[in-house]
Structures are given as structure tokens and as C-alpha cells.
């Protein structure tokens, strides 16, 4: 399993953006490029799992460190 590397503010923003994009898809299904709203699955999933594979690759960690 991947280590958590998404902090609380980052996590909330990802969830909000993901839900907003999926809601946009649900409300605009007849549009020509409405399928692009499905990209909201990515930030929603990374926000819910608190881990981002791209962050792991580039070495970014927004979690607070506990000592």
C-alpha cells in the first residue's frame, strides 16, 4: 500500500474538486465534451485514499510530520 502523502487541506480540496467535476458530468451529460468531467474521479480517489502516486514519484509530501 502506498504511504500517505496528502495533507488535510490538500485532501479536502481534492475531494471538493472531484465531487464538483462529477456533479458537472451528471448535470451536463448531453454536452459534446461532458466526458472530460470524469477526470474528477482522479482527485476524488486520491483525496479519499490520502495518497497521490504523482506526489510519490516527484517526492512531494503535504502531510504534517509528527515527531
PDB file of N, CA and C in Angstrom:
ATOM      1  N   UNK A   1       0.843  -1.183   0.000  1.00  0.00           N
ATOM      2  CA  UNK A   1       0.000   0.000   0.000  1.00  0.00           C
ATOM      3  C   UNK A   1       0.883   1.238   0.000  1.00  0.00           C
ATOM      4  N   UNK A   2       0.417   2.257  -0.654  1.00  0.00           N
ATOM      5  CA  UNK A   2       1.177   3.500  -0.736  1.00  0.00           C
ATOM      6  C   UNK A   2       1.112   4.266   0.576  1.00  0.00           C
ATOM      7  N   UNK A   3       2.188   4.959   0.885  1.00  0.00           N
ATOM      8  CA  UNK A   3       2.240   5.773   2.096  1.00  0.00           C
ATOM      9  C   UNK A   3       1.400   7.028   1.904  1.00  0.00           C
ATOM     10  N   UNK A   4       0.830   7.532   2.981  1.00  0.00           N
ATOM     11  CA  UNK A   4       0.037   8.751   2.910  1.00  0.00           C
ATOM     12  C   UNK A   4       0.959   9.935   2.656  1.00  0.00           C
ATOM     13  N   UNK A   5       0.637  10.705   1.631  1.00  0.00           N
ATOM     14  CA  UNK A   5       1.452  11.871   1.307  1.00  0.00           C
ATOM     15  C   UNK A   5       0.601  13.082   0.943  1.00  0.00           C
ATOM     16  N   UNK A   6      -0.692  13.043   1.283  1.00  0.00           N
ATOM     17  CA  UNK A   6      -1.604  14.150   1.011  1.00  0.00           C
ATOM     18  C   UNK A   6      -2.090  14.704   2.343  1.00  0.00           C
ATOM     19  N   UNK A   7      -1.820  15.975   2.595  1.00  0.00           N
ATOM     20  CA  UNK A   7      -2.218  16.620   3.843  1.00  0.00           C
ATOM     21  C   UNK A   7      -3.705  16.924   3.892  1.00  0.00           C
ATOM     22  N   UNK A   8      -4.153  17.445   5.032  1.00  0.00           N
ATOM     23  CA  UNK A   8      -5.581  17.643   5.263  1.00  0.00           C
ATOM     24  C   UNK A   8      -6.202  18.698   4.342  1.00  0.00           C
ATOM     25  N   UNK A   9      -5.561  19.834   4.156  1.00  0.00           N
ATOM     26  CA  UNK A   9      -6.112  20.871   3.280  1.00  0.00           C
ATOM     27  C   UNK A   9      -6.105  20.388   1.833  1.00  0.00           C
ATOM     28  N   UNK A  10      -5.012  19.791   1.429  1.00  0.00           N
ATOM     29  CA  UNK A  10      -4.890  19.235   0.087  1.00  0.00           C
ATOM     30  C   UNK A  10      -5.960  18.161  -0.141  1.00  0.00           C
ATOM     31  N   UNK A  11      -6.187  17.354   0.860  1.00  0.00           N
ATOM     32  CA  UNK A  11      -7.173  16.276   0.770  1.00  0.00           C
ATOM     33  C   UNK A  11      -8.591  16.829   0.590  1.00  0.00           C
ATOM     34  N   UNK A  12      -8.950  17.826   1.395  1.00  0.00           N
ATOM     35  CA  UNK A  12     -10.285  18.428   1.296  1.00  0.00           C
ATOM     36  C   UNK A  12     -10.480  19.072  -0.068  1.00  0.00           C
ATOM     37  N   UNK A  13      -9.476  19.789  -0.558  1.00  0.00           N
ATOM     38  CA  UNK A  13      -9.578  20.424  -1.875  1.00  0.00           C
ATOM     39  C   UNK A  13      -9.739  19.395  -2.983  1.00  0.00           C
ATOM     40  N   UNK A  14      -9.018  18.294  -2.894  1.00  0.00           N
ATOM     41  CA  UNK A  14      -9.140  17.237  -3.901  1.00  0.00           C
ATOM     42  C   UNK A  14     -10.540  16.642  -3.909  1.00  0.00           C
ATOM     43  N   UNK A  15     -11.093  16.400  -2.728  1.00  0.00           N
ATOM     44  CA  UNK A  15     -12.430  15.818  -2.639  1.00  0.00           C
ATOM     45  C   UNK A  15     -13.469  16.782  -3.190  1.00  0.00           C
ATOM     46  N   UNK A  16     -13.364  18.061  -2.840  1.00  0.00           N
ATOM     47  CA  UNK A  16     -14.322  19.058  -3.317  1.00  0.00           C
ATOM     48  C   UNK A  16     -14.248  19.194  -4.835  1.00  0.00           C
ATOM     49  N   UNK A  17     -13.050  19.274  -5.389  1.00  0.00           N
ATOM     50  CA  UNK A  17     -12.888  19.400  -6.840  1.00  0.00           C
ATOM     51  C   UNK A  17     -13.402  18.147  -7.545  1.00  0.00           C
ATOM     52  N   UNK A  18     -13.091  16.975  -7.001  1.00  0.00           N
ATOM     53  CA  UNK A  18     -13.564  15.736  -7.605  1.00  0.00           C
ATOM     54  C   UNK A  18     -15.073  15.626  -7.621  1.00  0.00           C
ATOM     55  N   UNK A  19     -15.698  15.950  -6.503  1.00  0.00           N
ATOM     56  CA  UNK A  19     -17.163  15.895  -6.433  1.00  0.00           C
ATOM     57  C   UNK A  19     -17.778  16.934  -7.372  1.00  0.00           C
ATOM     58  N   UNK A  20     -17.192  18.128  -7.437  1.00  0.00           N
ATOM     59  CA  UNK A  20     -17.718  19.177  -8.317  1.00  0.00           C
ATOM     60  C   UNK A  20     -17.639  18.754  -9.784  1.00  0.00           C
ATOM     61  N   UNK A  21     -16.544  18.150 -10.184  1.00  0.00           N
ATOM     62  CA  UNK A  21     -16.416  17.702 -11.563  1.00  0.00           C
ATOM     63  C   UNK A  21     -17.399  16.579 -11.882  1.00  0.00           C
ATOM     64  N   UNK A  22     -17.567  15.643 -10.971  1.00  0.00           N
ATOM     65  CA  UNK A  22     -18.522  14.559 -11.202  1.00  0.00           C
ATOM     66  C   UNK A  22     -19.956  15.076 -11.216  1.00  0.00           C
ATOM     67  N   UNK A  23     -20.238  16.076 -10.400  1.00  0.00           N
ATOM     68  CA  UNK A  23     -21.555  16.693 -10.416  1.00  0.00           C
ATOM     69  C   UNK A  23     -21.778  17.432 -11.741  1.00  0.00           C
ATOM     70  N   UNK A  24     -20.743  18.082 -12.231  1.00  0.00           N
ATOM     71  CA  UNK A  24     -20.817  18.730 -13.537  1.00  0.00           C
ATOM     72  C   UNK A  24     -21.106  17.725 -14.641  1.00  0.00           C
ATOM     73  N   UNK A  25     -20.519  16.549 -14.544  1.00  0.00           N
ATOM     74  CA  UNK A  25     -20.807  15.499 -15.525  1.00  0.00           C
ATOM     75  C   UNK A  25     -22.260  15.061 -15.443  1.00  0.00           C
ATOM     76  N   UNK A  26     -22.758  14.876 -14.216  1.00  0.00           N
ATOM     77  CA  UNK A  26     -24.136  14.420 -14.028  1.00  0.00           C
ATOM     78  C   UNK A  26     -25.143  15.453 -14.539  1.00  0.00           C
ATOM     79  N   UNK A  27     -24.809  16.720 -14.410  1.00  0.00           N
ATOM     80  CA  UNK A  27     -25.726  17.778 -14.836  1.00  0.00           C
ATOM     81  C   UNK A  27     -25.612  18.118 -16.317  1.00  0.00           C
ATOM     82  N   UNK A  28     -24.543  17.695 -16.963  1.00  0.00           N
ATOM     83  CA  UNK A  28     -24.304  18.067 -18.357  1.00  0.00           C
ATOM     84  C   UNK A  28     -23.968  16.835 -19.203  1.00  0.00           C
ATOM     85  N   UNK A  29     -24.730  15.785 -19.073  1.00  0.00           N
ATOM     86  CA  UNK A  29     -24.429  14.545 -19.795  1.00  0.00           C
ATOM     87  C   UNK A  29     -24.581  14.673 -21.306  1.00  0.00           C
ATOM     88  N   UNK A  30     -25.376  15.599 -21.765  1.00  0.00           N
ATOM     89  CA  UNK A  30     -25.620  15.735 -23.198  1.00  0.00           C
ATOM     90  C   UNK A  30     -24.591  16.561 -23.933  1.00  0.00           C
ATOM     91  N   UNK A  31     -23.658  17.171 -23.232  1.00  0.00           N
ATOM     92  CA  UNK A  31     -22.670  18.037 -23.866  1.00  0.00           C
ATOM     93  C   UNK A  31     -21.669  17.260 -24.700  1.00  0.00           C
ATOM     94  N   UNK A  32     -21.036  17.953 -25.634  1.00  0.00           N
ATOM     95  CA  UNK A  32     -20.096  17.319 -26.551  1.00  0.00           C
ATOM     96  C   UNK A  32     -18.878  16.751 -25.818  1.00  0.00           C
ATOM     97  N   UNK A  33     -18.347  17.488 -24.879  1.00  0.00           N
ATOM     98  CA  UNK A  33     -17.158  17.043 -24.169  1.00  0.00           C
ATOM     99  C   UNK A  33     -17.436  16.796 -22.688  1.00  0.00           C
ATOM    100  N   UNK A  34     -18.643  16.413 -22.370  1.00  0.00           N
ATOM    101  CA  UNK A  34     -19.005  16.213 -20.964  1.00  0.00           C
ATOM    102  C   UNK A  34     -18.232  15.065 -20.330  1.00  0.00           C
ATOM    103  N   UNK A  35     -17.730  14.143 -21.128  1.00  0.00           N
ATOM    104  CA  UNK A  35     -16.964  13.033 -20.585  1.00  0.00           C
ATOM    105  C   UNK A  35     -15.664  13.503 -19.920  1.00  0.00           C
ATOM    106  N   UNK A  36     -15.209  14.700 -20.249  1.00  0.00           N
ATOM    107  CA  UNK A  36     -13.997  15.229 -19.612  1.00  0.00           C
ATOM    108  C   UNK A  36     -14.193  15.472 -18.117  1.00  0.00           C
ATOM    109  N   UNK A  37     -15.450  15.665 -17.698  1.00  0.00           N
ATOM    110  CA  UNK A  37     -15.726  15.843 -16.278  1.00  0.00           C
ATOM    111  C   UNK A  37     -15.367  14.588 -15.478  1.00  0.00           C
ATOM    112  N   UNK A  38     -15.301  13.454 -16.137  1.00  0.00           N
ATOM    113  CA  UNK A  38     -14.982  12.208 -15.439  1.00  0.00           C
ATOM    114  C   UNK A  38     -13.557  12.200 -14.898  1.00  0.00           C
ATOM    115  N   UNK A  39     -12.740  13.158 -15.301  1.00  0.00           N
ATOM    116  CA  UNK A  39     -11.401  13.283 -14.743  1.00  0.00           C
ATOM    117  C   UNK A  39     -11.485  13.557 -13.241  1.00  0.00           C
ATOM    118  N   UNK A  40     -12.664  13.959 -12.775  1.00  0.00           N
ATOM    119  CA  UNK A  40     -12.885  14.195 -11.350  1.00  0.00           C
ATOM    120  C   UNK A  40     -12.720  12.952 -10.503  1.00  0.00           C
ATOM    121  N   UNK A  41     -12.734  11.787 -11.121  1.00  0.00           N
ATOM    122  CA  UNK A  41     -12.514  10.541 -10.388  1.00  0.00           C
ATOM    123  C   UNK A  41     -11.117  10.518  -9.778  1.00  0.00           C
ATOM    124  N   UNK A  42     -10.134  11.077 -10.487  1.00  0.00           N
ATOM    125  CA  UNK A  42      -8.746  11.048 -10.019  1.00  0.00           C
ATOM    126  C   UNK A  42      -8.559  11.857  -8.728  1.00  0.00           C
ATOM    127  N   UNK A  43      -8.923  13.147  -8.690  1.00  0.00           N
ATOM    128  CA  UNK A  43      -8.731  13.863  -7.424  1.00  0.00           C
ATOM    129  C   UNK A  43      -9.606  13.317  -6.301  1.00  0.00           C
ATOM    130  N   UNK A  44     -10.798  12.828  -6.628  1.00  0.00           N
ATOM    131  CA  UNK A  44     -11.655  12.255  -5.597  1.00  0.00           C
ATOM    132  C   UNK A  44     -11.011  11.011  -5.009  1.00  0.00           C
ATOM    133  N   UNK A  45     -10.504  10.133  -5.841  1.00  0.00           N
ATOM    134  CA  UNK A  45      -9.873   8.901  -5.350  1.00  0.00           C
ATOM    135  C   UNK A  45      -8.612   9.195  -4.544  1.00  0.00           C
ATOM    136  N   UNK A  46      -7.767  10.108  -5.033  1.00  0.00           N
ATOM    137  CA  UNK A  46      -6.544  10.414  -4.296  1.00  0.00           C
ATOM    138  C   UNK A  46      -6.848  11.136  -2.986  1.00  0.00           C
ATOM    139  N   UNK A  47      -7.911  11.924  -2.971  1.00  0.00           N
ATOM    140  CA  UNK A  47      -8.298  12.590  -1.730  1.00  0.00           C
ATOM    141  C   UNK A  47      -8.845  11.614  -0.706  1.00  0.00           C
ATOM    142  N   UNK A  48      -9.644  10.664  -1.159  1.00  0.00           N
ATOM    143  CA  UNK A  48     -10.216   9.684  -0.234  1.00  0.00           C
ATOM    144  C   UNK A  48      -9.165   8.715   0.296  1.00  0.00           C
ATOM    145  N   UNK A  49      -8.170   8.395  -0.525  1.00  0.00           N
ATOM    146  CA  UNK A  49      -7.120   7.465  -0.092  1.00  0.00           C
ATOM    147  C   UNK A  49      -5.971   8.165   0.621  1.00  0.00           C
ATOM    148  N   UNK A  50      -5.925   9.482   0.588  1.00  0.00           N
ATOM    149  CA  UNK A  50      -4.846  10.284   1.187  1.00  0.00           C
ATOM    150  C   UNK A  50      -3.474   9.946   0.617  1.00  0.00           C
ATOM    151  N   UNK A  51      -3.440   9.509  -0.597  1.00  0.00           N
ATOM    152  CA  UNK A  51      -2.171   9.220  -1.243  1.00  0.00           C
ATOM    153  C   UNK A  51      -2.244   9.609  -2.715  1.00  0.00           C
ATOM    154  N   UNK A  52      -1.145  10.119  -3.227  1.00  0.00           N
ATOM    155  CA  UNK A  52      -1.083  10.547  -4.615  1.00  0.00           C
ATOM    156  C   UNK A  52       0.156   9.914  -5.253  1.00  0.00           C
ATOM    157  N   UNK A  53      -0.031   9.047  -6.245  1.00  0.00           N
ATOM    158  CA  UNK A  53       1.120   8.418  -6.888  1.00  0.00           C
ATOM    159  C   UNK A  53       2.073   9.433  -7.536  1.00  0.00           C
ATOM    160  N   UNK A  54       1.539  10.506  -8.089  1.00  0.00           N
ATOM    161  CA  UNK A  54       2.404  11.521  -8.687  1.00  0.00           C
ATOM    162  C   UNK A  54       3.270  12.193  -7.631  1.00  0.00           C
ATOM    163  N   UNK A  55       2.694  12.481  -6.464  1.00  0.00           N
ATOM    164  CA  UNK A  55       3.474  13.041  -5.366  1.00  0.00           C
ATOM    165  C   UNK A  55       4.600  12.097  -4.974  1.00  0.00           C
ATOM    166  N   UNK A  56       4.326  10.796  -4.950  1.00  0.00           N
ATOM    167  CA  UNK A  56       5.343   9.814  -4.593  1.00  0.00           C
ATOM    168  C   UNK A  56       6.482   9.804  -5.609  1.00  0.00           C
ATOM    169  N   UNK A  57       6.140   9.960  -6.879  1.00  0.00           N
ATOM    170  CA  UNK A  57       7.161   9.939  -7.926  1.00  0.00           C
ATOM    171  C   UNK A  57       8.073  11.159  -7.840  1.00  0.00           C
ATOM    172  N   UNK A  58       7.483  12.339  -7.613  1.00  0.00           N
ATOM    173  CA  UNK A  58       8.303  13.558  -7.593  1.00  0.00           C
ATOM    174  C   UNK A  58       8.798  13.926  -6.191  1.00  0.00           C
ATOM    175  N   UNK A  59       8.404  13.144  -5.186  1.00  0.00           N
ATOM    176  CA  UNK A  59       8.929  13.344  -3.842  1.00  0.00           C
ATOM    177  C   UNK A  59       8.257  14.438  -3.034  1.00  0.00           C
ATOM    178  N   UNK A  60       6.998  14.722  -3.299  1.00  0.00           N
ATOM    179  CA  UNK A  60       6.269  15.753  -2.566  1.00  0.00           C
ATOM    180  C   UNK A  60       5.453  15.086  -1.463  1.00  0.00           C
ATOM    181  N   UNK A  61       5.403  15.744  -0.316  1.00  0.00           N
ATOM    182  CA  UNK A  61       4.595  15.246   0.804  1.00  0.00           C
ATOM    183  C   UNK A  61       3.971  16.445   1.501  1.00  0.00           C
ATOM    184  N   UNK A  62       2.637  16.534   1.492  1.00  0.00           N
ATOM    185  CA  UNK A  62       1.955  17.661   2.129  1.00  0.00           C
ATOM    186  C   UNK A  62       1.403  17.287   3.496  1.00  0.00           C
ATOM    187  N   UNK A  63       1.666  16.063   3.953  1.00  0.00           N
ATOM    188  CA  UNK A  63       1.231  15.665   5.293  1.00  0.00           C
ATOM    189  C   UNK A  63       2.111  16.355   6.331  1.00  0.00           C
ATOM    190  N   UNK A  64       1.504  16.668   7.462  1.00  0.00           N
ATOM    191  CA  UNK A  64       2.298  17.228   8.544  1.00  0.00           C
ATOM    192  C   UNK A  64       3.093  16.094   9.199  1.00  0.00           C
ATOM    193  N   UNK A  65       4.301  16.423   9.613  1.00  0.00           N
ATOM    194  CA  UNK A  65       5.133  15.403  10.243  1.00  0.00           C
ATOM    195  C   UNK A  65       4.901  15.390  11.731  1.00  0.00           C
ATOM    196  N   UNK A  66       4.762  14.196  12.286  1.00  0.00           N
ATOM    197  CA  UNK A  66       4.570  14.050  13.722  1.00  0.00           C
ATOM    198  C   UNK A  66       5.868  13.522  14.331  1.00  0.00           C
ATOM    199  N   UNK A  67       6.344  14.229  15.358  1.00  0.00           N
ATOM    200  CA  UNK A  67       7.603  13.815  15.993  1.00  0.00           C
ATOM    201  C   UNK A  67       7.378  13.525  17.442  1.00  0.00           C
TER     202      UNK A  67
END
